Amino acid sequence: MQTENFQIAIGQVNVQTFEVRDYIHHEKDKCKFEIYKSGQLILSLEPDGDFLRICKNPGELDEETIHLICDKIESYHL
């Protein structure tokens, strides 16, 4: 399965960096985006119309962090 990897950074004071794996040919039984921090899968997201929704949250991220990650990925218009 073809993927594209890129990094995003969120936050102004306490900047956090994440690696995003984008499954370019998204299949309905898999999440389109997987988000990693320090090599660990912490979140996966899938498209829901023009927005992203949580597929899995193994890193137990708080809603604010998830919202910031989604906003950053959505800003790339992927």
PDB file of N, CA and C in Angstrom:
ATOM      1  N   MET A   1       0.850  -1.173   0.000  1.00  0.00           N
ATOM      2  CA  MET A   1       0.000   0.000   0.000  1.00  0.00           C
ATOM      3  C   MET A   1       0.898   1.240   0.000  1.00  0.00           C
ATOM      4  N   GLN A   2       0.653   2.146  -0.911  1.00  0.00           N
ATOM      5  CA  GLN A   2       1.491   3.330  -1.077  1.00  0.00           C
ATOM      6  C   GLN A   2       1.171   4.357   0.016  1.00  0.00           C
ATOM      7  N   THR A   3       2.224   4.873   0.629  1.00  0.00           N
ATOM      8  CA  THR A   3       2.062   5.885   1.668  1.00  0.00           C
ATOM      9  C   THR A   3       2.941   7.083   1.366  1.00  0.00           C
ATOM     10  N   GLU A   4       2.563   8.199   1.957  1.00  0.00           N
ATOM     11  CA  GLU A   4       3.378   9.410   1.931  1.00  0.00           C
ATOM     12  C   GLU A   4       3.532   9.826   3.380  1.00  0.00           C
ATOM     13  N   ASN A   5       4.762  10.060   3.800  1.00  0.00           N
ATOM     14  CA  ASN A   5       5.018  10.464   5.177  1.00  0.00           C
ATOM     15  C   ASN A   5       5.428  11.932   5.218  1.00  0.00           C
ATOM     16  N   PHE A   6       4.936  12.639   6.225  1.00  0.00           N
ATOM     17  CA  PHE A   6       5.340  14.019   6.426  1.00  0.00           C
ATOM     18  C   PHE A   6       5.243  14.330   7.912  1.00  0.00           C
ATOM     19  N   GLN A   7       5.865  15.426   8.306  1.00  0.00           N
ATOM     20  CA  GLN A   7       5.841  15.829   9.714  1.00  0.00           C
ATOM     21  C   GLN A   7       4.987  17.062   9.884  1.00  0.00           C
ATOM     22  N   ILE A   8       4.336  17.129  11.048  1.00  0.00           N
ATOM     23  CA  ILE A   8       3.589  18.327  11.420  1.00  0.00           C
ATOM     24  C   ILE A   8       4.043  18.747  12.814  1.00  0.00           C
ATOM     25  N   ALA A   9       3.887  20.017  13.098  1.00  0.00           N
ATOM     26  CA  ALA A   9       4.185  20.554  14.426  1.00  0.00           C
ATOM     27  C   ALA A   9       2.968  21.344  14.874  1.00  0.00           C
ATOM     28  N   ILE A  10       2.592  21.154  16.131  1.00  0.00           N
ATOM     29  CA  ILE A  10       1.470  21.907  16.696  1.00  0.00           C
ATOM     30  C   ILE A  10       1.927  22.582  17.976  1.00  0.00           C
ATOM     31  N   GLY A  11       1.230  23.644  18.328  1.00  0.00           N
ATOM     32  CA  GLY A  11       1.530  24.372  19.553  1.00  0.00           C
ATOM     33  C   GLY A  11       2.383  25.590  19.291  1.00  0.00           C
ATOM     34  N   GLN A  12       2.266  26.562  20.168  1.00  0.00           N
ATOM     35  CA  GLN A  12       3.044  27.786  20.061  1.00  0.00           C
ATOM     36  C   GLN A  12       4.209  27.786  21.045  1.00  0.00           C
ATOM     37  N   VAL A  13       3.919  27.465  22.296  1.00  0.00           N
ATOM     38  CA  VAL A  13       4.952  27.480  23.338  1.00  0.00           C
ATOM     39  C   VAL A  13       5.591  26.101  23.463  1.00  0.00           C
ATOM     40  N   ASN A  14       4.777  25.097  23.728  1.00  0.00           N
ATOM     41  CA  ASN A  14       5.246  23.717  23.837  1.00  0.00           C
ATOM     42  C   ASN A  14       4.990  23.011  22.507  1.00  0.00           C
ATOM     43  N   VAL A  15       5.882  23.208  21.564  1.00  0.00           N
ATOM     44  CA  VAL A  15       5.702  22.653  20.227  1.00  0.00           C
ATOM     45  C   VAL A  15       5.901  21.136  20.274  1.00  0.00           C
ATOM     46  N   GLN A  16       4.938  20.425  19.683  1.00  0.00           N
ATOM     47  CA  GLN A  16       5.013  18.972  19.573  1.00  0.00           C
ATOM     48  C   GLN A  16       5.105  18.609  18.093  1.00  0.00           C
ATOM     49  N   THR A  17       5.980  17.671  17.769  1.00  0.00           N
ATOM     50  CA  THR A  17       6.157  17.238  16.391  1.00  0.00           C
ATOM     51  C   THR A  17       5.656  15.811  16.252  1.00  0.00           C
ATOM     52  N   PHE A  18       4.955  15.552  15.149  1.00  0.00           N
ATOM     53  CA  PHE A  18       4.392  14.234  14.881  1.00  0.00           C
ATOM     54  C   PHE A  18       4.733  13.826  13.457  1.00  0.00           C
ATOM     55  N   GLU A  19       4.865  12.531  13.236  1.00  0.00           N
ATOM     56  CA  GLU A  19       5.005  12.008  11.885  1.00  0.00           C
ATOM     57  C   GLU A  19       3.635  11.519  11.450  1.00  0.00           C
ATOM     58  N   VAL A  20       3.250  11.895  10.247  1.00  0.00           N
ATOM     59  CA  VAL A  20       1.949  11.498   9.698  1.00  0.00           C
ATOM     60  C   VAL A  20       2.203  10.566   8.521  1.00  0.00           C
ATOM     61  N   ARG A  21       1.550   9.435   8.547  1.00  0.00           N
ATOM     62  CA  ARG A  21       1.603   8.495   7.427  1.00  0.00           C
ATOM     63  C   ARG A  21       0.254   8.577   6.723  1.00  0.00           C
ATOM     64  N   ASP A  22       0.287   8.998   5.474  1.00  0.00           N
ATOM     65  CA  ASP A  22      -0.917   9.161   4.657  1.00  0.00           C
ATOM     66  C   ASP A  22      -1.016   7.979   3.701  1.00  0.00           C
ATOM     67  N   TYR A  23      -2.053   7.167   3.863  1.00  0.00           N
ATOM     68  CA  TYR A  23      -2.298   6.062   2.932  1.00  0.00           C
ATOM     69  C   TYR A  23      -3.016   6.659   1.732  1.00  0.00           C
ATOM     70  N   ILE A  24      -2.257   6.901   0.670  1.00  0.00           N
ATOM     71  CA  ILE A  24      -2.733   7.650  -0.487  1.00  0.00           C
ATOM     72  C   ILE A  24      -3.952   7.001  -1.127  1.00  0.00           C
ATOM     73  N   HIS A  25      -3.921   5.696  -1.272  1.00  0.00           N
ATOM     74  CA  HIS A  25      -5.063   4.985  -1.858  1.00  0.00           C
ATOM     75  C   HIS A  25      -5.898   4.413  -0.724  1.00  0.00           C
ATOM     76  N   HIS A  26      -6.596   5.301  -0.049  1.00  0.00           N
ATOM     77  CA  HIS A  26      -7.378   4.965   1.138  1.00  0.00           C
ATOM     78  C   HIS A  26      -8.424   3.910   0.820  1.00  0.00           C
ATOM     79  N   GLU A  27      -8.447   2.854   1.639  1.00  0.00           N
ATOM     80  CA  GLU A  27      -9.463   1.812   1.529  1.00  0.00           C
ATOM     81  C   GLU A  27     -10.391   1.951   2.722  1.00  0.00           C
ATOM     82  N   LYS A  28     -11.650   1.653   2.520  1.00  0.00           N
ATOM     83  CA  LYS A  28     -12.652   1.883   3.560  1.00  0.00           C
ATOM     84  C   LYS A  28     -12.406   1.087   4.838  1.00  0.00           C
ATOM     85  N   ASP A  29     -11.710  -0.052   4.769  1.00  0.00           N
ATOM     86  CA  ASP A  29     -11.482  -0.857   5.969  1.00  0.00           C
ATOM     87  C   ASP A  29     -10.224  -0.446   6.733  1.00  0.00           C
ATOM     88  N   LYS A  30      -9.505   0.566   6.244  1.00  0.00           N
ATOM     89  CA  LYS A  30      -8.306   1.076   6.919  1.00  0.00           C
ATOM     90  C   LYS A  30      -8.424   2.575   7.122  1.00  0.00           C
ATOM     91  N   CYS A  31      -7.745   3.073   8.126  1.00  0.00           N
ATOM     92  CA  CYS A  31      -7.721   4.514   8.366  1.00  0.00           C
ATOM     93  C   CYS A  31      -6.778   5.170   7.351  1.00  0.00           C
ATOM     94  N   LYS A  32      -7.105   6.362   6.911  1.00  0.00           N
ATOM     95  CA  LYS A  32      -6.283   7.052   5.910  1.00  0.00           C
ATOM     96  C   LYS A  32      -4.997   7.606   6.513  1.00  0.00           C
ATOM     97  N   PHE A  33      -5.066   8.160   7.714  1.00  0.00           N
ATOM     98  CA  PHE A  33      -3.897   8.776   8.340  1.00  0.00           C
ATOM     99  C   PHE A  33      -3.553   8.056   9.641  1.00  0.00           C
ATOM    100  N   GLU A  34      -2.264   7.795   9.817  1.00  0.00           N
ATOM    101  CA  GLU A  34      -1.752   7.299  11.094  1.00  0.00           C
ATOM    102  C   GLU A  34      -0.765   8.335  11.594  1.00  0.00           C
ATOM    103  N   ILE A  35      -0.865   8.664  12.880  1.00  0.00           N
ATOM    104  CA  ILE A  35      -0.007   9.681  13.479  1.00  0.00           C
ATOM    105  C   ILE A  35       0.891   8.993  14.504  1.00  0.00           C
ATOM    106  N   TYR A  36       2.193   9.286  14.394  1.00  0.00           N
ATOM    107  CA  TYR A  36       3.197   8.676  15.260  1.00  0.00           C
ATOM    108  C   TYR A  36       3.954   9.748  16.028  1.00  0.00           C
ATOM    109  N   LYS A  37       4.362   9.387  17.234  1.00  0.00           N
ATOM    110  CA  LYS A  37       5.255  10.230  18.031  1.00  0.00           C
ATOM    111  C   LYS A  37       6.332   9.314  18.586  1.00  0.00           C
ATOM    112  N   SER A  38       7.570   9.646  18.306  1.00  0.00           N
ATOM    113  CA  SER A  38       8.714   8.830  18.730  1.00  0.00           C
ATOM    114  C   SER A  38       8.565   7.385  18.274  1.00  0.00           C
ATOM    115  N   GLY A  39       8.052   7.195  17.067  1.00  0.00           N
ATOM    116  CA  GLY A  39       7.925   5.861  16.500  1.00  0.00           C
ATOM    117  C   GLY A  39       6.721   5.055  16.953  1.00  0.00           C
ATOM    118  N   GLN A  40       5.931   5.603  17.864  1.00  0.00           N
ATOM    119  CA  GLN A  40       4.749   4.905  18.387  1.00  0.00           C
ATOM    120  C   GLN A  40       3.484   5.444  17.746  1.00  0.00           C
ATOM    121  N   LEU A  41       2.607   4.536  17.310  1.00  0.00           N
ATOM    122  CA  LEU A  41       1.304   4.937  16.787  1.00  0.00           C
ATOM    123  C   LEU A  41       0.471   5.503  17.931  1.00  0.00           C
ATOM    124  N   ILE A  42       0.021   6.750  17.785  1.00  0.00           N
ATOM    125  CA  ILE A  42      -0.760   7.362  18.857  1.00  0.00           C
ATOM    126  C   ILE A  42      -2.170   7.746  18.431  1.00  0.00           C
ATOM    127  N   LEU A  43      -2.416   7.813  17.102  1.00  0.00           N
ATOM    128  CA  LEU A  43      -3.728   8.251  16.631  1.00  0.00           C
ATOM    129  C   LEU A  43      -3.886   7.843  15.182  1.00  0.00           C
ATOM    130  N   SER A  44      -5.100   7.482  14.795  1.00  0.00           N
ATOM    131  CA  SER A  44      -5.392   7.288  13.381  1.00  0.00           C
ATOM    132  C   SER A  44      -6.708   7.991  13.068  1.00  0.00           C
ATOM    133  N   LEU A  45      -6.755   8.527  11.862  1.00  0.00           N
ATOM    134  CA  LEU A  45      -7.882   9.359  11.446  1.00  0.00           C
ATOM    135  C   LEU A  45      -8.370   8.932  10.072  1.00  0.00           C
ATOM    136  N   GLU A  46      -9.646   9.217   9.800  1.00  0.00           N
ATOM    137  CA  GLU A  46     -10.190   8.956   8.478  1.00  0.00           C
ATOM    138  C   GLU A  46     -11.090  10.114   8.071  1.00  0.00           C
ATOM    139  N   PRO A  47     -11.227  10.312   6.758  1.00  0.00           N
ATOM    140  CA  PRO A  47     -12.075  11.405   6.269  1.00  0.00           C
ATOM    141  C   PRO A  47     -13.545  11.156   6.592  1.00  0.00           C
ATOM    142  N   ASP A  48     -14.218  12.246   6.892  1.00  0.00           N
ATOM    143  CA  ASP A  48     -15.666  12.234   7.095  1.00  0.00           C
ATOM    144  C   ASP A  48     -16.182  13.518   6.458  1.00  0.00           C
ATOM    145  N   GLY A  49     -16.432  13.463   5.159  1.00  0.00           N
ATOM    146  CA  GLY A  49     -16.777  14.682   4.427  1.00  0.00           C
ATOM    147  C   GLY A  49     -15.543  15.549   4.282  1.00  0.00           C
ATOM    148  N   ASP A  50     -15.652  16.812   4.676  1.00  0.00           N
ATOM    149  CA  ASP A  50     -14.521  17.746   4.588  1.00  0.00           C
ATOM    150  C   ASP A  50     -13.644  17.727   5.827  1.00  0.00           C
ATOM    151  N   PHE A  51     -13.975  16.895   6.797  1.00  0.00           N
ATOM    152  CA  PHE A  51     -13.256  16.880   8.071  1.00  0.00           C
ATOM    153  C   PHE A  51     -12.689  15.493   8.338  1.00  0.00           C
ATOM    154  N   LEU A  52     -11.874  15.403   9.378  1.00  0.00           N
ATOM    155  CA  LEU A  52     -11.321  14.125   9.808  1.00  0.00           C
ATOM    156  C   LEU A  52     -11.991  13.698  11.100  1.00  0.00           C
ATOM    157  N   ARG A  53     -12.131  12.397  11.258  1.00  0.00           N
ATOM    158  CA  ARG A  53     -12.683  11.880  12.512  1.00  0.00           C
ATOM    159  C   ARG A  53     -11.754  10.794  13.038  1.00  0.00           C
ATOM    160  N   ILE A  54     -11.837  10.559  14.315  1.00  0.00           N
ATOM    161  CA  ILE A  54     -10.983   9.583  14.979  1.00  0.00           C
ATOM    162  C   ILE A  54     -11.360   8.179  14.542  1.00  0.00           C
ATOM    163  N   CYS A  55     -10.353   7.430  14.196  1.00  0.00           N
ATOM    164  CA  CYS A  55     -10.516   6.019  13.866  1.00  0.00           C
ATOM    165  C   CYS A  55     -10.086   5.198  15.091  1.00  0.00           C
ATOM    166  N   LYS A  56      -8.884   5.520  15.603  1.00  0.00           N
ATOM    167  CA  LYS A  56      -8.349   4.880  16.805  1.00  0.00           C
ATOM    168  C   LYS A  56      -7.524   5.915  17.566  1.00  0.00           C
ATOM    169  N   ASN A  57      -7.493   5.780  18.886  1.00  0.00           N
ATOM    170  CA  ASN A  57      -6.722   6.701  19.721  1.00  0.00           C
ATOM    171  C   ASN A  57      -5.910   5.913  20.757  1.00  0.00           C
ATOM    172  N   PRO A  58      -4.957   5.084  20.291  1.00  0.00           N
ATOM    173  CA  PRO A  58      -4.188   4.278  21.242  1.00  0.00           C
ATOM    174  C   PRO A  58      -3.291   5.102  22.163  1.00  0.00           C
ATOM    175  N   GLY A  59      -2.973   6.335  21.762  1.00  0.00           N
ATOM    176  CA  GLY A  59      -2.146   7.203  22.604  1.00  0.00           C
ATOM    177  C   GLY A  59      -2.949   7.962  23.639  1.00  0.00           C
ATOM    178  N   GLU A  60      -4.275   7.757  23.628  1.00  0.00           N
ATOM    179  CA  GLU A  60      -5.190   8.425  24.553  1.00  0.00           C
ATOM    180  C   GLU A  60      -4.963   9.930  24.596  1.00  0.00           C
ATOM    181  N   LEU A  61      -4.867  10.528  23.407  1.00  0.00           N
ATOM    182  CA  LEU A  61      -4.671  11.974  23.310  1.00  0.00           C
ATOM    183  C   LEU A  61      -5.929  12.714  23.745  1.00  0.00           C
ATOM    184  N   ASP A  62      -5.734  13.890  24.309  1.00  0.00           N
ATOM    185  CA  ASP A  62      -6.872  14.712  24.717  1.00  0.00           C
ATOM    186  C   ASP A  62      -7.497  15.364  23.487  1.00  0.00           C
ATOM    187  N   GLU A  63      -8.747  15.805  23.633  1.00  0.00           N
ATOM    188  CA  GLU A  63      -9.501  16.372  22.516  1.00  0.00           C
ATOM    189  C   GLU A  63      -8.823  17.590  21.894  1.00  0.00           C
ATOM    190  N   GLU A  64      -8.226  18.441  22.716  1.00  0.00           N
ATOM    191  CA  GLU A  64      -7.575  19.640  22.195  1.00  0.00           C
ATOM    192  C   GLU A  64      -6.410  19.280  21.264  1.00  0.00           C
ATOM    193  N   THR A  65      -5.582  18.327  21.672  1.00  0.00           N
ATOM    194  CA  THR A  65      -4.452  17.904  20.848  1.00  0.00           C
ATOM    195  C   THR A  65      -4.949  17.271  19.553  1.00  0.00           C
ATOM    196  N   ILE A  66      -5.971  16.428  19.644  1.00  0.00           N
ATOM    197  CA  ILE A  66      -6.545  15.802  18.451  1.00  0.00           C
ATOM    198  C   ILE A  66      -7.074  16.868  17.505  1.00  0.00           C
ATOM    199  N   HIS A  67      -7.763  17.852  18.048  1.00  0.00           N
ATOM    200  CA  HIS A  67      -8.319  18.938  17.230  1.00  0.00           C
ATOM    201  C   HIS A  67      -7.204  19.693  16.504  1.00  0.00           C
ATOM    202  N   LEU A  68      -6.103  19.983  17.199  1.00  0.00           N
ATOM    203  CA  LEU A  68      -4.980  20.693  16.581  1.00  0.00           C
ATOM    204  C   LEU A  68      -4.330  19.865  15.476  1.00  0.00           C
ATOM    205  N   ILE A  69      -4.185  18.560  15.707  1.00  0.00           N
ATOM    206  CA  ILE A  69      -3.619  17.671  14.696  1.00  0.00           C
ATOM    207  C   ILE A  69      -4.529  17.635  13.466  1.00  0.00           C
ATOM    208  N   CYS A  70      -5.828  17.469  13.689  1.00  0.00           N
ATOM    209  CA  CYS A  70      -6.788  17.434  12.579  1.00  0.00           C
ATOM    210  C   CYS A  70      -6.757  18.738  11.787  1.00  0.00           C
ATOM    211  N   ASP A  71      -6.760  19.861  12.487  1.00  0.00           N
ATOM    212  CA  ASP A  71      -6.716  21.162  11.812  1.00  0.00           C
ATOM    213  C   ASP A  71      -5.480  21.288  10.929  1.00  0.00           C
ATOM    214  N   LYS A  72      -4.339  20.845  11.445  1.00  0.00           N
ATOM    215  CA  LYS A  72      -3.083  20.959  10.700  1.00  0.00           C
ATOM    216  C   LYS A  72      -3.134  20.079   9.452  1.00  0.00           C
ATOM    217  N   ILE A  73      -3.593  18.830   9.586  1.00  0.00           N
ATOM    218  CA  ILE A  73      -3.674  17.938   8.425  1.00  0.00           C
ATOM    219  C   ILE A  73      -4.687  18.462   7.423  1.00  0.00           C
ATOM    220  N   GLU A  74      -5.854  18.927   7.902  1.00  0.00           N
ATOM    221  CA  GLU A  74      -6.886  19.449   7.014  1.00  0.00           C
ATOM    222  C   GLU A  74      -6.392  20.680   6.257  1.00  0.00           C
ATOM    223  N   SER A  75      -5.478  21.450   6.847  1.00  0.00           N
ATOM    224  CA  SER A  75      -4.969  22.656   6.178  1.00  0.00           C
ATOM    225  C   SER A  75      -4.150  22.306   4.936  1.00  0.00           C
ATOM    226  N   TYR A  76      -3.683  21.067   4.826  1.00  0.00           N
ATOM    227  CA  TYR A  76      -2.935  20.628   3.641  1.00  0.00           C
ATOM    228  C   TYR A  76      -3.860  20.196   2.509  1.00  0.00           C
ATOM    229  N   HIS A  77      -5.156  20.167   2.755  1.00  0.00           N
ATOM    230  CA  HIS A  77      -6.169  19.786   1.745  1.00  0.00           C
ATOM    231  C   HIS A  77      -5.877  18.444   1.115  1.00  0.00           C
ATOM    232  N   LEU A  78      -5.559  17.478   1.955  1.00  0.00           N
ATOM    233  CA  LEU A  78      -5.270  16.132   1.455  1.00  0.00           C
ATOM    234  C   LEU A  78      -6.573  15.400   1.288  1.00  0.00           C
TER     235      LEU A  78
END
